[in-house]
Amino acid sequence: MKPALNQIRSQAQKLKSETHALYLAARDPRTPWYAKLLVAAVVAYALSPIDLIPDFIPVLGYLDDLVLLPLGIALAVRLIPRAVLDDCRRRARETLQNGKIVSRAAGAVVIAIWLLLGAVCAGWLYRMFLG
C-alpha cells in the first residue's frame, strides 16, 4: 500500500510541476499566441474549484480530471517550443523545491471569471422565468 501511495504522490508532484511550467511558458514571449491561449485555458481549468463535470457524480466526476487535463497538457506541450519548455520546466522545479506556488492574481482571475459567468447565468435565468 505504501509504494502505491508514494507513486501517486510522485505523479501528483509531476503534474503540479508541469502545470507550473506551462504557466511560466504562457508568460514567456517566445511562446506562440495560440499556445498561450491553450495553456491559459488548461491552467485556469486545473486551478479552478469548479469542474466541467462535478466530482460527486460517480465515475464521470473524475473523468475530466483524468482525461481532459492530461489531454490539454499534452497538446499544450506540443505547441510550445522545446527550448522554452525545457527552461520553464527547470524554473518550475526550482520554484517547487524552494516552496509552494502561490498566485493571488491567478486566483483572483479565476474567481472573477466564475462570478461573471454566474452573473450572466443569473441574468439569463431571470429573463427566462421572470422577465
C-alpha atoms as a PDB file:
ATOM      1  CA  MET A   1       0.000   0.000   0.000  1.00  0.00           C
ATOM      2  CA  LYS A   2       2.832   2.373   0.859  1.00  0.00           C
ATOM      3  CA  PRO A   3       4.597   2.134  -2.554  1.00  0.00           C
ATOM      4  CA  ALA A   4       1.311   2.884  -4.342  1.00  0.00           C
ATOM      5  CA  LEU A   5       0.764   5.973  -2.209  1.00  0.00           C
ATOM      6  CA  ASN A   6       4.305   7.153  -2.909  1.00  0.00           C
ATOM      7  CA  GLN A   7       3.750   6.647  -6.631  1.00  0.00           C
ATOM      8  CA  ILE A   8       0.523   8.668  -6.525  1.00  0.00           C
ATOM      9  CA  ARG A   9       2.296  11.462  -4.636  1.00  0.00           C
ATOM     10  CA  SER A  10       5.113  11.412  -7.182  1.00  0.00           C
ATOM     11  CA  GLN A  11       2.670  11.649 -10.081  1.00  0.00           C
ATOM     12  CA  ALA A  12       0.793  14.491  -8.372  1.00  0.00           C
ATOM     13  CA  GLN A  13       4.081  16.347  -7.858  1.00  0.00           C
ATOM     14  CA  LYS A  14       4.967  15.886 -11.540  1.00  0.00           C
ATOM     15  CA  LEU A  15       1.550  17.172 -12.588  1.00  0.00           C
ATOM     16  CA  LYS A  16       1.925  20.211 -10.329  1.00  0.00           C
ATOM     17  CA  SER A  17       5.397  20.903 -11.717  1.00  0.00           C
ATOM     18  CA  GLU A  18       4.211  20.503 -15.312  1.00  0.00           C
ATOM     19  CA  THR A  19       1.229  22.796 -14.724  1.00  0.00           C
ATOM     20  CA  HIS A  20       3.517  25.459 -13.249  1.00  0.00           C
ATOM     21  CA  ALA A  21       5.932  25.057 -16.170  1.00  0.00           C
ATOM     22  CA  LEU A  22       3.028  25.636 -18.567  1.00  0.00           C
ATOM     23  CA  TYR A  23       2.040  28.732 -16.595  1.00  0.00           C
ATOM     24  CA  LEU A  24       5.605  30.048 -16.947  1.00  0.00           C
ATOM     25  CA  ALA A  25       5.631  29.189 -20.657  1.00  0.00           C
ATOM     26  CA  ALA A  26       2.411  31.148 -21.186  1.00  0.00           C
ATOM     27  CA  ARG A  27       4.178  34.228 -19.838  1.00  0.00           C
ATOM     28  CA  ASP A  28       7.272  33.699 -21.989  1.00  0.00           C
ATOM     29  CA  PRO A  29       7.471  35.949 -25.083  1.00  0.00           C
ATOM     30  CA  ARG A  30       8.943  33.082 -27.133  1.00  0.00           C
ATOM     31  CA  THR A  31       5.702  31.083 -26.829  1.00  0.00           C
ATOM     32  CA  PRO A  32       3.257  31.464 -29.770  1.00  0.00           C
ATOM     33  CA  TRP A  33      -0.064  33.186 -29.009  1.00  0.00           C
ATOM     34  CA  TYR A  34      -2.179  30.100 -29.770  1.00  0.00           C
ATOM     35  CA  ALA A  35      -0.139  28.032 -27.298  1.00  0.00           C
ATOM     36  CA  LYS A  36      -0.537  30.782 -24.697  1.00  0.00           C
ATOM     37  CA  LEU A  37      -4.306  30.722 -25.185  1.00  0.00           C
ATOM     38  CA  LEU A  38      -4.500  26.944 -24.737  1.00  0.00           C
ATOM     39  CA  VAL A  39      -2.163  26.999 -21.730  1.00  0.00           C
ATOM     40  CA  ALA A  40      -4.234  29.736 -20.093  1.00  0.00           C
ATOM     41  CA  ALA A  41      -7.379  27.649 -20.515  1.00  0.00           C
ATOM     42  CA  VAL A  42      -5.734  24.458 -19.198  1.00  0.00           C
ATOM     43  CA  VAL A  43      -4.106  26.144 -16.191  1.00  0.00           C
ATOM     44  CA  ALA A  44      -7.286  28.075 -15.337  1.00  0.00           C
ATOM     45  CA  TYR A  45      -9.297  24.861 -15.505  1.00  0.00           C
ATOM     46  CA  ALA A  46      -6.728  22.974 -13.429  1.00  0.00           C
ATOM     47  CA  LEU A  47      -6.766  25.678 -10.747  1.00  0.00           C
ATOM     48  CA  SER A  48     -10.500  26.287 -10.863  1.00  0.00           C
ATOM     49  CA  PRO A  49     -12.502  24.974  -7.932  1.00  0.00           C
ATOM     50  CA  ILE A  50     -15.405  24.275 -10.299  1.00  0.00           C
ATOM     51  CA  ASP A  51     -15.214  21.290 -12.684  1.00  0.00           C
ATOM     52  CA  LEU A  52     -16.940  20.747 -16.008  1.00  0.00           C
ATOM     53  CA  ILE A  53     -18.344  17.524 -14.552  1.00  0.00           C
ATOM     54  CA  PRO A  54     -18.846  17.765 -10.747  1.00  0.00           C
ATOM     55  CA  ASP A  55     -16.764  15.254  -8.768  1.00  0.00           C
ATOM     56  CA  PHE A  56     -19.767  13.961  -6.808  1.00  0.00           C
ATOM     57  CA  ILE A  57     -21.122  12.259  -9.955  1.00  0.00           C
ATOM     58  CA  PRO A  58     -19.890   8.641  -9.726  1.00  0.00           C
ATOM     59  CA  VAL A  59     -17.125   7.715 -12.200  1.00  0.00           C
ATOM     60  CA  LEU A  60     -17.851  10.602 -14.588  1.00  0.00           C
ATOM     61  CA  GLY A  61     -16.959  13.153 -11.911  1.00  0.00           C
ATOM     62  CA  TYR A  62     -13.284  12.332 -12.162  1.00  0.00           C
ATOM     63  CA  LEU A  63     -13.320  11.828 -15.919  1.00  0.00           C
ATOM     64  CA  ASP A  64     -12.453  15.449 -16.637  1.00  0.00           C
ATOM     65  CA  ASP A  65      -9.541  15.370 -14.182  1.00  0.00           C
ATOM     66  CA  LEU A  66      -8.217  12.086 -15.541  1.00  0.00           C
ATOM     67  CA  VAL A  67      -8.770  12.738 -19.250  1.00  0.00           C
ATOM     68  CA  LEU A  68      -9.318  16.405 -20.109  1.00  0.00           C
ATOM     69  CA  LEU A  69      -6.449  17.876 -18.097  1.00  0.00           C
ATOM     70  CA  PRO A  70      -3.791  15.423 -19.311  1.00  0.00           C
ATOM     71  CA  LEU A  71      -5.010  15.848 -22.908  1.00  0.00           C
ATOM     72  CA  GLY A  72      -4.904  19.629 -22.580  1.00  0.00           C
ATOM     73  CA  ILE A  73      -1.437  19.488 -21.050  1.00  0.00           C
ATOM     74  CA  ALA A  74      -0.189  17.110 -23.754  1.00  0.00           C
ATOM     75  CA  LEU A  75      -1.499  19.350 -26.530  1.00  0.00           C
ATOM     76  CA  ALA A  76      -0.059  22.470 -24.912  1.00  0.00           C
ATOM     77  CA  VAL A  77       3.339  20.789 -24.503  1.00  0.00           C
ATOM     78  CA  ARG A  78       3.378  20.024 -28.235  1.00  0.00           C
ATOM     79  CA  LEU A  79       2.605  23.645 -29.145  1.00  0.00           C
ATOM     80  CA  ILE A  80       5.351  25.203 -27.009  1.00  0.00           C
ATOM     81  CA  PRO A  81       8.871  25.387 -28.489  1.00  0.00           C
ATOM     82  CA  ARG A  82      11.189  22.792 -26.904  1.00  0.00           C
ATOM     83  CA  ALA A  83      13.770  25.309 -25.636  1.00  0.00           C
ATOM     84  CA  VAL A  84      11.071  27.379 -23.929  1.00  0.00           C
ATOM     85  CA  LEU A  85       9.501  24.308 -22.325  1.00  0.00           C
ATOM     86  CA  ASP A  86      12.839  22.980 -21.050  1.00  0.00           C
ATOM     87  CA  ASP A  87      13.663  26.358 -19.491  1.00  0.00           C
ATOM     88  CA  CYS A  88      10.215  26.647 -17.887  1.00  0.00           C
ATOM     89  CA  ARG A  89      10.370  23.091 -16.523  1.00  0.00           C
ATOM     90  CA  ARG A  90      13.709  23.850 -14.883  1.00  0.00           C
ATOM     91  CA  ARG A  91      12.326  27.050 -13.329  1.00  0.00           C
ATOM     92  CA  ALA A  92       9.183  25.207 -12.143  1.00  0.00           C
ATOM     93  CA  ARG A  93      11.294  22.514 -10.417  1.00  0.00           C
ATOM     94  CA  GLU A  94      13.345  25.207  -8.682  1.00  0.00           C
ATOM     95  CA  THR A  95      10.192  27.016  -7.533  1.00  0.00           C
ATOM     96  CA  LEU A  96       8.653  23.823  -6.149  1.00  0.00           C
ATOM     97  CA  GLN A  97      11.861  22.932  -4.310  1.00  0.00           C
ATOM     98  CA  ASN A  98      12.032  26.394  -2.721  1.00  0.00           C
ATOM     99  CA  GLY A  99       8.420  26.452  -1.531  1.00  0.00           C
ATOM    100  CA  LYS A 100       4.810  26.389  -2.530  1.00  0.00           C
ATOM    101  CA  ILE A 101       3.439  28.221  -5.520  1.00  0.00           C
ATOM    102  CA  VAL A 102       1.036  30.969  -4.534  1.00  0.00           C
ATOM    103  CA  SER A 103      -0.528  33.250  -7.099  1.00  0.00           C
ATOM    104  CA  ARG A 104      -3.160  35.549  -5.714  1.00  0.00           C
ATOM    105  CA  ALA A 105      -3.551  37.175  -9.133  1.00  0.00           C
ATOM    106  CA  ALA A 106      -4.363  33.843 -10.784  1.00  0.00           C
ATOM    107  CA  GLY A 107      -6.836  33.028  -8.025  1.00  0.00           C
ATOM    108  CA  ALA A 108      -8.488  36.435  -8.406  1.00  0.00           C
ATOM    109  CA  VAL A 109      -8.811  35.959 -12.177  1.00  0.00           C
ATOM    110  CA  VAL A 110     -10.405  32.514 -11.778  1.00  0.00           C
ATOM    111  CA  ILE A 111     -12.842  33.837  -9.164  1.00  0.00           C
ATOM    112  CA  ALA A 112     -13.697  36.851 -11.344  1.00  0.00           C
ATOM    113  CA  ILE A 113     -14.401  34.610 -14.342  1.00  0.00           C
ATOM    114  CA  TRP A 114     -16.714  32.363 -12.306  1.00  0.00           C
ATOM    115  CA  LEU A 115     -18.507  35.367 -10.798  1.00  0.00           C
ATOM    116  CA  LEU A 116     -19.012  36.824 -14.270  1.00  0.00           C
ATOM    117  CA  LEU A 117     -20.344  33.520 -15.571  1.00  0.00           C
ATOM    118  CA  GLY A 118     -22.648  33.279 -12.553  1.00  0.00           C
ATOM    119  CA  ALA A 119     -23.973  36.791 -13.186  1.00  0.00           C
ATOM    120  CA  VAL A 120     -24.587  36.015 -16.861  1.00  0.00           C
ATOM    121  CA  CYS A 121     -26.421  32.792 -15.950  1.00  0.00           C
ATOM    122  CA  ALA A 122     -28.464  34.594 -13.282  1.00  0.00           C
ATOM    123  CA  GLY A 123     -29.442  37.286 -15.787  1.00  0.00           C
ATOM    124  CA  TRP A 124     -30.426  34.679 -18.346  1.00  0.00           C
ATOM    125  CA  LEU A 125     -32.497  32.742 -15.790  1.00  0.00           C
ATOM    126  CA  TYR A 126     -34.183  35.949 -14.644  1.00  0.00           C
ATOM    127  CA  ARG A 127     -35.170  36.854 -18.217  1.00  0.00           C
ATOM    128  CA  MET A 128     -36.355  33.308 -18.945  1.00  0.00           C
ATOM    129  CA  PHE A 129     -38.561  32.868 -15.901  1.00  0.00           C
ATOM    130  CA  LEU A 130     -39.365  36.328 -14.550  1.00  0.00           C
ATOM    131  CA  GLY A 131     -38.908  38.638 -17.499  1.00  0.00           C
END
